[in-house]
Amino acid sequence: MSRLQTFNPEQLDEKMKELLERIDNGLGIAPNLIKGLAVSPTVLESYILTSEALNNGILDRRLRKLIPLTVAEANKNSYCLRAFTGLGRIEGLSEKELMMSRNANSLDSRIKAGLRFALAIVKSQGRVTGDELQEVRDAGYSDSEIIEITAHVGLNIFLNYFTEIAETPAGFPDVIDIESMMRGRSYDDIGTVEKDMREKRGSTAKNLAAEG
């Protein structure tokens, strides 16, 4: 249960209904995150408009979808890890690239550089070094793209902090603890990792059923 109030559908005005419809049309769902933000129409509108603007930016689509996982893993934010993993699957991203992005990694060298820069921003609280800035430039990123990466990071840090403060209930399947499940394995072992993940979920479901 969230520690902060969530919106009451019966009290929505027309503007708020329109904003939530835009979320539904884009995702087919209204995540618990959105239900929490909707308590503040100003914040919800700001989030939607910022998200829409950034989604129409010049960054590679896959990079845009993977930055949230890099940021959430760095901040150890369970809600956003679950949510953006689920949304990434809906977008058609593979389990391998979703998992690799949590460690700011990718088989695509350019995306890897973008994720590494996003991670550097989080870890340094924005105080990236000259070498880190040069590294992302050497990967072919323009200053416009670097600014967009920074904006994506900032937006996702806000989502991490909000869901931690609110203890937003997760409406998406759990994700594996990447450190324990990948220990001693490579990303080429993703099939085995996925099998372990399914078995872990099945065991948890059985335990919950038994407790019920």
N, C-alpha and C. Protein backbone atom coordinates (compact mmCIF):
# COMPACT_ATOMS: atom_id res chain seq x y z
N MET A 1 0.84 -1.20 0.00
CA MET A 1 0.00 0.00 0.00
C MET A 1 0.87 1.25 0.00
N SER A 2 0.52 2.21 -0.83
CA SER A 2 1.31 3.43 -0.94
C SER A 2 1.22 4.25 0.34
N ARG A 3 2.33 4.89 0.72
CA ARG A 3 2.33 5.77 1.89
C ARG A 3 1.74 7.13 1.57
N LEU A 4 1.59 7.42 0.28
CA LEU A 4 0.98 8.68 -0.14
C LEU A 4 -0.37 8.40 -0.79
N GLN A 5 -1.20 9.39 -0.80
CA GLN A 5 -2.53 9.28 -1.38
C GLN A 5 -2.44 8.96 -2.88
N THR A 6 -3.37 8.17 -3.38
CA THR A 6 -3.50 7.95 -4.81
C THR A 6 -4.81 8.57 -5.28
N PHE A 7 -4.93 8.80 -6.58
CA PHE A 7 -6.06 9.56 -7.08
C PHE A 7 -7.37 8.78 -6.95
N ASN A 8 -8.44 9.53 -6.79
CA ASN A 8 -9.79 8.96 -6.75
C ASN A 8 -10.45 9.23 -8.09
N PRO A 9 -10.74 8.18 -8.88
CA PRO A 9 -11.32 8.39 -10.22
C PRO A 9 -12.59 9.21 -10.21
N GLU A 10 -13.34 9.16 -9.11
CA GLU A 10 -14.61 9.87 -9.05
C GLU A 10 -14.41 11.38 -8.91
N GLN A 11 -13.20 11.78 -8.55
CA GLN A 11 -12.94 13.21 -8.33
C GLN A 11 -12.12 13.84 -9.46
N LEU A 12 -11.98 13.13 -10.57
CA LEU A 12 -11.17 13.65 -11.66
C LEU A 12 -11.94 14.70 -12.45
N ASP A 13 -11.24 15.81 -12.77
CA ASP A 13 -11.85 16.79 -13.66
C ASP A 13 -11.52 16.40 -15.10
N GLU A 14 -12.05 17.15 -16.06
CA GLU A 14 -11.88 16.80 -17.46
C GLU A 14 -10.41 16.82 -17.89
N LYS A 15 -9.66 17.79 -17.38
CA LYS A 15 -8.25 17.87 -17.75
C LYS A 15 -7.49 16.64 -17.28
N MET A 16 -7.77 16.21 -16.03
CA MET A 16 -7.09 15.05 -15.50
C MET A 16 -7.48 13.78 -16.26
N LYS A 17 -8.75 13.67 -16.62
CA LYS A 17 -9.20 12.52 -17.40
C LYS A 17 -8.47 12.45 -18.74
N GLU A 18 -8.28 13.62 -19.34
CA GLU A 18 -7.58 13.67 -20.63
C GLU A 18 -6.14 13.22 -20.48
N LEU A 19 -5.47 13.67 -19.38
CA LEU A 19 -4.08 13.28 -19.16
C LEU A 19 -3.96 11.77 -18.96
N LEU A 20 -4.87 11.20 -18.18
CA LEU A 20 -4.81 9.77 -17.92
C LEU A 20 -5.15 8.96 -19.17
N GLU A 21 -6.01 9.49 -19.99
CA GLU A 21 -6.32 8.82 -21.26
C GLU A 21 -5.11 8.77 -22.16
N ARG A 22 -4.29 9.82 -22.11
CA ARG A 22 -3.07 9.83 -22.93
C ARG A 22 -2.11 8.74 -22.46
N ILE A 23 -2.06 8.51 -21.15
CA ILE A 23 -1.23 7.44 -20.62
C ILE A 23 -1.80 6.09 -21.05
N ASP A 24 -3.10 5.91 -20.90
CA ASP A 24 -3.74 4.65 -21.29
C ASP A 24 -3.54 4.35 -22.76
N ASN A 25 -3.68 5.37 -23.60
CA ASN A 25 -3.54 5.17 -25.04
C ASN A 25 -2.11 4.81 -25.42
N GLY A 26 -1.16 5.34 -24.65
CA GLY A 26 0.23 5.06 -24.96
C GLY A 26 0.70 3.72 -24.45
N LEU A 27 0.19 3.29 -23.26
CA LEU A 27 0.66 2.07 -22.64
C LEU A 27 -0.37 0.95 -22.60
N GLY A 28 -1.64 1.34 -22.67
CA GLY A 28 -2.70 0.37 -22.49
C GLY A 28 -2.99 0.12 -21.02
N ILE A 29 -2.26 0.83 -20.13
CA ILE A 29 -2.41 0.67 -18.69
C ILE A 29 -2.17 2.01 -18.01
N ALA A 30 -2.59 2.10 -16.76
CA ALA A 30 -2.27 3.28 -15.94
C ALA A 30 -1.49 2.78 -14.73
N PRO A 31 -0.15 2.72 -14.81
CA PRO A 31 0.66 2.17 -13.72
C PRO A 31 0.39 2.88 -12.39
N ASN A 32 0.72 2.17 -11.30
CA ASN A 32 0.53 2.75 -9.98
C ASN A 32 1.31 4.05 -9.81
N LEU A 33 2.43 4.16 -10.50
CA LEU A 33 3.19 5.42 -10.49
C LEU A 33 2.32 6.58 -10.92
N ILE A 34 1.61 6.40 -12.03
CA ILE A 34 0.76 7.46 -12.57
C ILE A 34 -0.38 7.77 -11.61
N LYS A 35 -0.92 6.74 -10.99
CA LYS A 35 -2.01 6.94 -10.04
C LYS A 35 -1.55 7.77 -8.84
N GLY A 36 -0.28 7.62 -8.50
CA GLY A 36 0.26 8.42 -7.41
C GLY A 36 0.54 9.85 -7.84
N LEU A 37 1.12 10.02 -9.02
CA LEU A 37 1.41 11.37 -9.51
C LEU A 37 0.14 12.16 -9.75
N ALA A 38 -0.95 11.47 -10.07
CA ALA A 38 -2.20 12.14 -10.41
C ALA A 38 -2.80 12.93 -9.25
N VAL A 39 -2.32 12.66 -8.04
CA VAL A 39 -2.79 13.44 -6.88
C VAL A 39 -2.40 14.90 -7.05
N SER A 40 -1.30 15.13 -7.75
CA SER A 40 -0.87 16.49 -8.08
C SER A 40 -1.01 16.68 -9.58
N PRO A 41 -2.10 17.28 -10.05
CA PRO A 41 -2.27 17.48 -11.50
C PRO A 41 -1.10 18.22 -12.14
N THR A 42 -0.51 19.16 -11.39
CA THR A 42 0.62 19.92 -11.93
C THR A 42 1.80 19.00 -12.23
N VAL A 43 2.11 18.11 -11.27
CA VAL A 43 3.24 17.19 -11.45
C VAL A 43 2.94 16.18 -12.54
N LEU A 44 1.73 15.64 -12.57
CA LEU A 44 1.38 14.66 -13.60
C LEU A 44 1.49 15.29 -14.99
N GLU A 45 0.95 16.48 -15.14
CA GLU A 45 1.01 17.14 -16.45
C GLU A 45 2.46 17.40 -16.85
N SER A 46 3.26 17.84 -15.89
CA SER A 46 4.66 18.11 -16.17
C SER A 46 5.38 16.84 -16.60
N TYR A 47 5.09 15.74 -15.90
CA TYR A 47 5.72 14.47 -16.24
C TYR A 47 5.33 14.01 -17.64
N ILE A 48 4.04 14.08 -17.95
CA ILE A 48 3.56 13.62 -19.25
C ILE A 48 4.15 14.47 -20.37
N LEU A 49 4.11 15.78 -20.21
CA LEU A 49 4.62 16.67 -21.26
C LEU A 49 6.12 16.49 -21.46
N THR A 50 6.86 16.34 -20.34
CA THR A 50 8.30 16.14 -20.45
C THR A 50 8.60 14.81 -21.12
N SER A 51 7.88 13.76 -20.72
CA SER A 51 8.09 12.43 -21.30
C SER A 51 7.80 12.45 -22.80
N GLU A 52 6.69 13.07 -23.17
CA GLU A 52 6.33 13.12 -24.59
C GLU A 52 7.36 13.89 -25.40
N ALA A 53 7.84 15.00 -24.83
CA ALA A 53 8.85 15.80 -25.54
C ALA A 53 10.13 15.00 -25.72
N LEU A 54 10.58 14.32 -24.67
CA LEU A 54 11.82 13.55 -24.76
C LEU A 54 11.67 12.34 -25.69
N ASN A 55 10.49 11.75 -25.71
CA ASN A 55 10.25 10.61 -26.60
C ASN A 55 10.24 11.02 -28.06
N ASN A 56 10.09 12.30 -28.30
CA ASN A 56 10.15 12.82 -29.67
C ASN A 56 11.50 13.48 -29.97
N GLY A 57 12.47 13.22 -29.11
CA GLY A 57 13.78 13.82 -29.27
C GLY A 57 14.63 13.09 -30.30
N ILE A 58 15.92 13.37 -30.27
CA ILE A 58 16.81 12.83 -31.30
C ILE A 58 17.58 11.59 -30.84
N LEU A 59 17.44 11.20 -29.57
CA LEU A 59 18.14 10.01 -29.10
C LEU A 59 17.57 8.75 -29.73
N ASP A 60 18.41 7.74 -29.87
CA ASP A 60 17.98 6.44 -30.35
C ASP A 60 16.87 5.90 -29.45
N ARG A 61 15.83 5.32 -30.06
CA ARG A 61 14.67 4.83 -29.30
C ARG A 61 15.09 3.82 -28.25
N ARG A 62 15.97 2.90 -28.62
CA ARG A 62 16.39 1.87 -27.67
C ARG A 62 17.12 2.49 -26.48
N LEU A 63 17.95 3.48 -26.73
CA LEU A 63 18.65 4.13 -25.63
C LEU A 63 17.66 4.79 -24.69
N ARG A 64 16.64 5.45 -25.25
CA ARG A 64 15.62 6.09 -24.41
C ARG A 64 14.94 5.07 -23.50
N LYS A 65 14.70 3.87 -24.01
CA LYS A 65 14.00 2.85 -23.24
C LYS A 65 14.90 2.16 -22.22
N LEU A 66 16.21 2.23 -22.43
CA LEU A 66 17.15 1.53 -21.56
C LEU A 66 17.72 2.40 -20.44
N ILE A 67 17.78 3.71 -20.66
CA ILE A 67 18.30 4.61 -19.61
C ILE A 67 17.56 4.43 -18.28
N PRO A 68 16.23 4.30 -18.28
CA PRO A 68 15.54 4.12 -16.99
C PRO A 68 16.04 2.92 -16.20
N LEU A 69 16.45 1.85 -16.88
CA LEU A 69 16.94 0.67 -16.19
C LEU A 69 18.33 0.90 -15.61
N THR A 70 19.18 1.61 -16.34
CA THR A 70 20.50 1.96 -15.82
C THR A 70 20.36 2.82 -14.57
N VAL A 71 19.48 3.80 -14.62
CA VAL A 71 19.29 4.71 -13.49
C VAL A 71 18.67 3.98 -12.30
N ALA A 72 17.65 3.16 -12.56
CA ALA A 72 16.97 2.46 -11.47
C ALA A 72 17.90 1.46 -10.78
N GLU A 73 18.73 0.78 -11.56
CA GLU A 73 19.68 -0.17 -10.96
C GLU A 73 20.69 0.58 -10.10
N ALA A 74 21.17 1.71 -10.59
CA ALA A 74 22.15 2.49 -9.82
C ALA A 74 21.55 2.98 -8.51
N ASN A 75 20.26 3.31 -8.54
CA ASN A 75 19.59 3.81 -7.34
C ASN A 75 18.91 2.71 -6.54
N LYS A 76 19.04 1.45 -7.01
CA LYS A 76 18.42 0.30 -6.33
C LYS A 76 16.92 0.52 -6.13
N ASN A 77 16.28 1.00 -7.19
CA ASN A 77 14.85 1.29 -7.12
C ASN A 77 14.05 0.15 -7.73
N SER A 78 13.40 -0.63 -6.89
CA SER A 78 12.71 -1.84 -7.33
C SER A 78 11.53 -1.53 -8.24
N TYR A 79 10.74 -0.50 -7.89
CA TYR A 79 9.54 -0.22 -8.68
C TYR A 79 9.90 0.07 -10.14
N CYS A 80 10.83 0.97 -10.36
CA CYS A 80 11.16 1.36 -11.74
C CYS A 80 11.88 0.24 -12.48
N LEU A 81 12.65 -0.59 -11.76
CA LEU A 81 13.24 -1.75 -12.42
C LEU A 81 12.16 -2.66 -12.97
N ARG A 82 11.15 -2.92 -12.15
CA ARG A 82 10.04 -3.77 -12.59
C ARG A 82 9.26 -3.12 -13.73
N ALA A 83 8.90 -1.86 -13.52
CA ALA A 83 8.04 -1.18 -14.49
C ALA A 83 8.70 -1.05 -15.85
N PHE A 84 9.95 -0.59 -15.87
CA PHE A 84 10.59 -0.34 -17.17
C PHE A 84 11.11 -1.62 -17.82
N THR A 85 11.31 -2.67 -17.03
CA THR A 85 11.57 -3.98 -17.63
C THR A 85 10.31 -4.47 -18.34
N GLY A 86 9.17 -4.35 -17.66
CA GLY A 86 7.91 -4.75 -18.27
C GLY A 86 7.58 -3.95 -19.51
N LEU A 87 7.76 -2.65 -19.44
CA LEU A 87 7.48 -1.79 -20.59
C LEU A 87 8.47 -2.06 -21.72
N GLY A 88 9.72 -2.38 -21.36
CA GLY A 88 10.71 -2.71 -22.38
C GLY A 88 10.32 -3.97 -23.15
N ARG A 89 9.77 -4.93 -22.42
CA ARG A 89 9.30 -6.15 -23.09
C ARG A 89 8.16 -5.83 -24.05
N ILE A 90 7.25 -4.95 -23.61
CA ILE A 90 6.15 -4.55 -24.48
C ILE A 90 6.68 -3.89 -25.74
N GLU A 91 7.79 -3.14 -25.60
CA GLU A 91 8.40 -2.45 -26.74
C GLU A 91 9.21 -3.39 -27.63
N GLY A 92 9.34 -4.65 -27.20
CA GLY A 92 10.04 -5.63 -28.02
C GLY A 92 11.53 -5.75 -27.75
N LEU A 93 12.01 -5.16 -26.65
CA LEU A 93 13.42 -5.29 -26.31
C LEU A 93 13.69 -6.68 -25.74
N SER A 94 14.86 -7.22 -26.02
CA SER A 94 15.18 -8.57 -25.59
C SER A 94 15.54 -8.60 -24.11
N GLU A 95 15.41 -9.79 -23.50
CA GLU A 95 15.78 -9.95 -22.10
C GLU A 95 17.26 -9.65 -21.91
N LYS A 96 18.07 -10.01 -22.90
CA LYS A 96 19.50 -9.79 -22.79
C LYS A 96 19.84 -8.31 -22.73
N GLU A 97 19.27 -7.51 -23.64
CA GLU A 97 19.61 -6.09 -23.63
C GLU A 97 18.99 -5.38 -22.43
N LEU A 98 17.83 -5.85 -21.96
CA LEU A 98 17.24 -5.27 -20.76
C LEU A 98 18.14 -5.51 -19.56
N MET A 99 18.64 -6.73 -19.45
CA MET A 99 19.50 -7.06 -18.32
C MET A 99 20.85 -6.35 -18.41
N MET A 100 21.42 -6.33 -19.61
CA MET A 100 22.72 -5.67 -19.77
C MET A 100 22.65 -4.18 -19.45
N SER A 101 21.53 -3.56 -19.81
CA SER A 101 21.40 -2.12 -19.58
C SER A 101 21.43 -1.77 -18.10
N ARG A 102 21.03 -2.71 -17.26
CA ARG A 102 21.05 -2.44 -15.82
C ARG A 102 22.47 -2.21 -15.32
N ASN A 103 23.43 -2.76 -16.04
CA ASN A 103 24.85 -2.53 -15.72
C ASN A 103 25.49 -1.55 -16.69
N ALA A 104 24.66 -0.72 -17.33
CA ALA A 104 25.15 0.27 -18.30
C ALA A 104 25.96 -0.40 -19.40
N ASN A 105 25.44 -1.53 -19.88
CA ASN A 105 26.16 -2.30 -20.88
C ASN A 105 25.24 -2.57 -22.07
N SER A 106 25.84 -2.82 -23.21
CA SER A 106 25.07 -3.12 -24.42
C SER A 106 26.00 -3.73 -25.46
N LEU A 107 25.45 -4.57 -26.33
CA LEU A 107 26.23 -5.11 -27.44
C LEU A 107 26.48 -4.03 -28.49
N ASP A 108 25.66 -2.99 -28.48
CA ASP A 108 25.82 -1.84 -29.37
C ASP A 108 26.75 -0.84 -28.69
N SER A 109 27.92 -0.62 -29.26
CA SER A 109 28.93 0.22 -28.60
C SER A 109 28.45 1.65 -28.36
N ARG A 110 27.65 2.17 -29.28
CA ARG A 110 27.18 3.55 -29.12
C ARG A 110 26.16 3.64 -27.97
N ILE A 111 25.24 2.68 -27.90
CA ILE A 111 24.28 2.67 -26.81
C ILE A 111 25.00 2.45 -25.48
N LYS A 112 26.00 1.58 -25.49
CA LYS A 112 26.78 1.35 -24.28
C LYS A 112 27.41 2.65 -23.78
N ALA A 113 27.95 3.44 -24.69
CA ALA A 113 28.56 4.71 -24.30
C ALA A 113 27.53 5.66 -23.70
N GLY A 114 26.33 5.68 -24.29
CA GLY A 114 25.26 6.53 -23.76
C GLY A 114 24.83 6.10 -22.37
N LEU A 115 24.73 4.78 -22.16
CA LEU A 115 24.34 4.26 -20.84
C LEU A 115 25.43 4.50 -19.81
N ARG A 116 26.68 4.36 -20.22
CA ARG A 116 27.80 4.62 -19.31
C ARG A 116 27.81 6.08 -18.87
N PHE A 117 27.47 6.97 -19.79
CA PHE A 117 27.42 8.38 -19.43
C PHE A 117 26.25 8.65 -18.48
N ALA A 118 25.11 8.00 -18.74
CA ALA A 118 23.96 8.15 -17.84
C ALA A 118 24.32 7.67 -16.44
N LEU A 119 25.02 6.55 -16.36
CA LEU A 119 25.44 6.03 -15.05
C LEU A 119 26.42 6.98 -14.37
N ALA A 120 27.32 7.55 -15.15
CA ALA A 120 28.28 8.51 -14.58
C ALA A 120 27.57 9.72 -13.98
N ILE A 121 26.51 10.16 -14.65
CA ILE A 121 25.73 11.29 -14.13
C ILE A 121 25.14 10.95 -12.77
N VAL A 122 24.55 9.75 -12.66
CA VAL A 122 23.91 9.34 -11.41
C VAL A 122 24.96 9.23 -10.30
N LYS A 123 26.03 8.51 -10.59
CA LYS A 123 27.03 8.24 -9.55
C LYS A 123 27.74 9.50 -9.08
N SER A 124 27.94 10.45 -10.00
CA SER A 124 28.68 11.67 -9.64
C SER A 124 27.75 12.81 -9.23
N GLN A 125 26.44 12.55 -9.25
CA GLN A 125 25.44 13.59 -8.99
C GLN A 125 25.63 14.76 -9.96
N GLY A 126 25.93 14.41 -11.20
CA GLY A 126 26.08 15.41 -12.24
C GLY A 126 27.49 15.94 -12.43
N ARG A 127 28.37 15.58 -11.52
CA ARG A 127 29.75 16.12 -11.60
C ARG A 127 30.62 15.17 -12.43
N VAL A 128 30.25 14.97 -13.68
CA VAL A 128 31.02 14.07 -14.54
C VAL A 128 32.39 14.68 -14.83
N THR A 129 33.34 13.81 -15.06
CA THR A 129 34.70 14.28 -15.35
C THR A 129 34.83 14.67 -16.82
N GLY A 130 35.90 15.36 -17.11
CA GLY A 130 36.17 15.72 -18.50
C GLY A 130 36.36 14.49 -19.37
N ASP A 131 37.00 13.45 -18.79
CA ASP A 131 37.21 12.21 -19.53
C ASP A 131 35.89 11.52 -19.85
N GLU A 132 34.95 11.53 -18.90
CA GLU A 132 33.64 10.90 -19.13
C GLU A 132 32.86 11.65 -20.21
N LEU A 133 32.95 12.95 -20.19
CA LEU A 133 32.29 13.75 -21.22
C LEU A 133 32.92 13.50 -22.58
N GLN A 134 34.24 13.41 -22.61
CA GLN A 134 34.93 13.16 -23.87
C GLN A 134 34.61 11.77 -24.41
N GLU A 135 34.45 10.81 -23.50
CA GLU A 135 34.16 9.44 -23.91
C GLU A 135 32.83 9.36 -24.67
N VAL A 136 31.82 10.06 -24.16
CA VAL A 136 30.52 10.00 -24.83
C VAL A 136 30.56 10.79 -26.14
N ARG A 137 31.35 11.83 -26.18
CA ARG A 137 31.52 12.58 -27.44
C ARG A 137 32.25 11.73 -28.48
N ASP A 138 33.26 11.00 -28.02
CA ASP A 138 34.02 10.14 -28.93
C ASP A 138 33.14 9.04 -29.52
N ALA A 139 32.07 8.69 -28.81
CA ALA A 139 31.14 7.67 -29.32
C ALA A 139 30.18 8.23 -30.36
N GLY A 140 30.31 9.55 -30.63
CA GLY A 140 29.51 10.15 -31.68
C GLY A 140 28.32 10.95 -31.21
N TYR A 141 28.21 11.19 -29.90
CA TYR A 141 27.08 11.96 -29.38
C TYR A 141 27.33 13.46 -29.50
N SER A 142 26.33 14.16 -30.02
CA SER A 142 26.39 15.62 -30.10
C SER A 142 26.03 16.22 -28.75
N ASP A 143 26.30 17.50 -28.60
CA ASP A 143 25.92 18.16 -27.35
C ASP A 143 24.41 18.11 -27.14
N SER A 144 23.64 18.19 -28.21
CA SER A 144 22.17 18.09 -28.08
C SER A 144 21.78 16.74 -27.50
N GLU A 145 22.43 15.69 -27.97
CA GLU A 145 22.12 14.34 -27.46
C GLU A 145 22.58 14.19 -26.01
N ILE A 146 23.72 14.77 -25.68
CA ILE A 146 24.21 14.71 -24.30
C ILE A 146 23.23 15.40 -23.35
N ILE A 147 22.68 16.52 -23.80
CA ILE A 147 21.69 17.24 -22.98
C ILE A 147 20.44 16.38 -22.81
N GLU A 148 20.03 15.68 -23.88
CA GLU A 148 18.85 14.82 -23.78
C GLU A 148 19.10 13.64 -22.84
N ILE A 149 20.29 13.06 -22.89
CA ILE A 149 20.61 11.98 -21.95
C ILE A 149 20.49 12.49 -20.52
N THR A 150 21.02 13.69 -20.29
CA THR A 150 20.95 14.30 -18.95
C THR A 150 19.51 14.50 -18.52
N ALA A 151 18.66 14.93 -19.44
CA ALA A 151 17.24 15.14 -19.12
C ALA A 151 16.55 13.83 -18.77
N HIS A 152 16.85 12.78 -19.54
CA HIS A 152 16.27 11.47 -19.24
C HIS A 152 16.71 10.98 -17.86
N VAL A 153 17.97 11.18 -17.54
CA VAL A 153 18.47 10.77 -16.24
C VAL A 153 17.75 11.53 -15.13
N GLY A 154 17.64 12.84 -15.29
CA GLY A 154 16.96 13.65 -14.28
C GLY A 154 15.52 13.23 -14.06
N LEU A 155 14.81 12.96 -15.16
CA LEU A 155 13.41 12.55 -15.05
C LEU A 155 13.30 11.22 -14.32
N ASN A 156 14.20 10.31 -14.62
CA ASN A 156 14.12 8.99 -13.99
C ASN A 156 14.57 9.00 -12.54
N ILE A 157 15.48 9.89 -12.20
CA ILE A 157 15.83 10.05 -10.78
C ILE A 157 14.60 10.51 -10.00
N PHE A 158 13.85 11.44 -10.57
CA PHE A 158 12.61 11.88 -9.92
C PHE A 158 11.67 10.71 -9.70
N LEU A 159 11.49 9.86 -10.72
CA LEU A 159 10.60 8.70 -10.58
C LEU A 159 11.09 7.74 -9.51
N ASN A 160 12.41 7.54 -9.45
CA ASN A 160 12.99 6.68 -8.42
C ASN A 160 12.69 7.23 -7.03
N TYR A 161 12.94 8.51 -6.86
CA TYR A 161 12.75 9.11 -5.54
C TYR A 161 11.28 9.12 -5.13
N PHE A 162 10.41 9.46 -6.08
CA PHE A 162 8.98 9.49 -5.76
C PHE A 162 8.48 8.12 -5.34
N THR A 163 8.82 7.08 -6.10
CA THR A 163 8.30 5.75 -5.77
C THR A 163 8.90 5.21 -4.48
N GLU A 164 10.10 5.66 -4.12
CA GLU A 164 10.68 5.27 -2.82
C GLU A 164 9.95 5.97 -1.68
N ILE A 165 9.71 7.26 -1.84
CA ILE A 165 9.01 8.01 -0.79
C ILE A 165 7.60 7.47 -0.59
N ALA A 166 6.91 7.20 -1.70
CA ALA A 166 5.52 6.73 -1.63
C ALA A 166 5.43 5.25 -1.33
N GLU A 167 6.53 4.51 -1.52
CA GLU A 167 6.51 3.04 -1.47
C GLU A 167 5.41 2.54 -2.41
N THR A 168 5.49 3.00 -3.64
CA THR A 168 4.49 2.68 -4.66
C THR A 168 4.42 1.17 -4.88
N PRO A 169 3.22 0.58 -4.78
CA PRO A 169 3.09 -0.86 -5.01
C PRO A 169 3.46 -1.22 -6.45
N ALA A 170 4.21 -2.29 -6.59
CA ALA A 170 4.63 -2.72 -7.93
C ALA A 170 3.48 -3.45 -8.61
N GLY A 171 3.14 -3.00 -9.82
CA GLY A 171 2.10 -3.66 -10.59
C GLY A 171 2.67 -4.50 -11.71
N PHE A 172 4.00 -4.71 -11.66
CA PHE A 172 4.69 -5.48 -12.70
C PHE A 172 5.39 -6.66 -12.04
N PRO A 173 5.71 -7.71 -12.82
CA PRO A 173 6.43 -8.86 -12.26
C PRO A 173 7.76 -8.45 -11.67
N ASP A 174 8.20 -9.23 -10.69
CA ASP A 174 9.49 -8.97 -10.07
C ASP A 174 10.62 -9.20 -11.07
N VAL A 175 11.75 -8.59 -10.82
CA VAL A 175 12.93 -8.83 -11.65
C VAL A 175 13.99 -9.49 -10.79
N ILE A 176 14.93 -10.14 -11.45
CA ILE A 176 15.95 -10.86 -10.71
C ILE A 176 16.94 -9.88 -10.08
N ASP A 177 17.56 -10.34 -9.00
CA ASP A 177 18.68 -9.60 -8.41
C ASP A 177 19.87 -9.87 -9.31
N ILE A 178 20.23 -8.89 -10.10
CA ILE A 178 21.23 -9.11 -11.14
C ILE A 178 22.59 -9.51 -10.57
N GLU A 179 22.94 -9.01 -9.39
CA GLU A 179 24.24 -9.32 -8.83
C GLU A 179 24.35 -10.78 -8.43
N SER A 180 23.29 -11.30 -7.77
CA SER A 180 23.35 -12.69 -7.32
C SER A 180 23.10 -13.68 -8.45
N MET A 181 22.17 -13.36 -9.35
CA MET A 181 21.80 -14.30 -10.40
C MET A 181 22.87 -14.36 -11.50
N MET A 182 23.62 -13.29 -11.73
CA MET A 182 24.62 -13.28 -12.79
C MET A 182 26.01 -13.63 -12.27
N ARG A 183 26.14 -13.86 -10.98
CA ARG A 183 27.46 -14.13 -10.41
C ARG A 183 28.07 -15.37 -11.06
N GLY A 184 29.25 -15.20 -11.64
CA GLY A 184 29.93 -16.31 -12.28
C GLY A 184 29.39 -16.67 -13.65
N ARG A 185 28.49 -15.84 -14.19
CA ARG A 185 27.91 -16.12 -15.49
C ARG A 185 28.18 -14.95 -16.43
N SER A 186 28.00 -15.21 -17.70
CA SER A 186 28.09 -14.15 -18.69
C SER A 186 26.70 -13.87 -19.23
N TYR A 187 26.57 -12.79 -19.99
CA TYR A 187 25.27 -12.47 -20.57
C TYR A 187 24.84 -13.51 -21.61
N ASP A 188 25.80 -14.33 -22.07
CA ASP A 188 25.43 -15.40 -22.99
C ASP A 188 24.68 -16.52 -22.28
N ASP A 189 24.71 -16.49 -20.93
CA ASP A 189 23.97 -17.48 -20.15
C ASP A 189 22.56 -17.00 -19.84
N ILE A 190 22.07 -16.03 -20.61
CA ILE A 190 20.79 -15.42 -20.31
C ILE A 190 19.66 -16.44 -20.25
N GLY A 191 19.73 -17.48 -21.09
CA GLY A 191 18.69 -18.51 -21.08
C GLY A 191 18.61 -19.20 -19.73
N THR A 192 19.77 -19.54 -19.16
CA THR A 192 19.80 -20.19 -17.85
C THR A 192 19.31 -19.24 -16.78
N VAL A 193 19.70 -17.98 -16.88
CA VAL A 193 19.26 -16.99 -15.91
C VAL A 193 17.73 -16.84 -15.95
N GLU A 194 17.18 -16.78 -17.17
CA GLU A 194 15.73 -16.65 -17.32
C GLU A 194 15.02 -17.87 -16.72
N LYS A 195 15.58 -19.08 -16.92
CA LYS A 195 15.00 -20.29 -16.36
C LYS A 195 14.99 -20.21 -14.84
N ASP A 196 16.12 -19.79 -14.26
CA ASP A 196 16.19 -19.63 -12.81
C ASP A 196 15.17 -18.62 -12.32
N MET A 197 14.99 -17.55 -13.10
CA MET A 197 14.05 -16.50 -12.73
C MET A 197 12.62 -17.06 -12.71
N ARG A 198 12.27 -17.84 -13.75
CA ARG A 198 10.92 -18.42 -13.81
C ARG A 198 10.70 -19.37 -12.64
N GLU A 199 11.72 -20.18 -12.32
CA GLU A 199 11.59 -21.12 -11.21
C GLU A 199 11.43 -20.38 -9.88
N LYS A 200 12.16 -19.27 -9.76
CA LYS A 200 12.07 -18.46 -8.54
C LYS A 200 10.67 -17.88 -8.40
N ARG A 201 10.13 -17.38 -9.53
CA ARG A 201 8.77 -16.83 -9.50
C ARG A 201 7.76 -17.90 -9.16
N GLY A 202 7.94 -19.11 -9.75
CA GLY A 202 7.01 -20.20 -9.49
C GLY A 202 7.03 -20.63 -8.04
N SER A 203 8.23 -20.67 -7.46
CA SER A 203 8.35 -21.03 -6.05
C SER A 203 7.70 -20.00 -5.15
N THR A 204 7.89 -18.72 -5.50
CA THR A 204 7.27 -17.65 -4.71
C THR A 204 5.75 -17.72 -4.79
N ALA A 205 5.23 -17.99 -5.99
CA ALA A 205 3.78 -18.08 -6.17
C ALA A 205 3.20 -19.23 -5.35
N LYS A 206 3.91 -20.38 -5.34
CA LYS A 206 3.44 -21.53 -4.56
C LYS A 206 3.42 -21.22 -3.07
N ASN A 207 4.47 -20.52 -2.61
CA ASN A 207 4.53 -20.16 -1.19
C ASN A 207 3.39 -19.22 -0.82
N LEU A 208 3.10 -18.25 -1.69
CA LEU A 208 2.01 -17.33 -1.41
C LEU A 208 0.68 -18.05 -1.40
N ALA A 209 0.51 -19.00 -2.32
CA ALA A 209 -0.74 -19.76 -2.38
C ALA A 209 -0.91 -20.60 -1.11
N ALA A 210 0.20 -21.17 -0.64
CA ALA A 210 0.14 -21.98 0.56
C ALA A 210 -0.21 -21.15 1.80
N GLU A 211 0.34 -19.93 1.82
CA GLU A 211 0.05 -19.04 2.94
C GLU A 211 -1.39 -18.59 2.94
N GLY A 212 -1.97 -18.48 1.69
CA GLY A 212 -3.37 -18.05 1.58
C GLY A 212 -4.32 -19.12 2.03
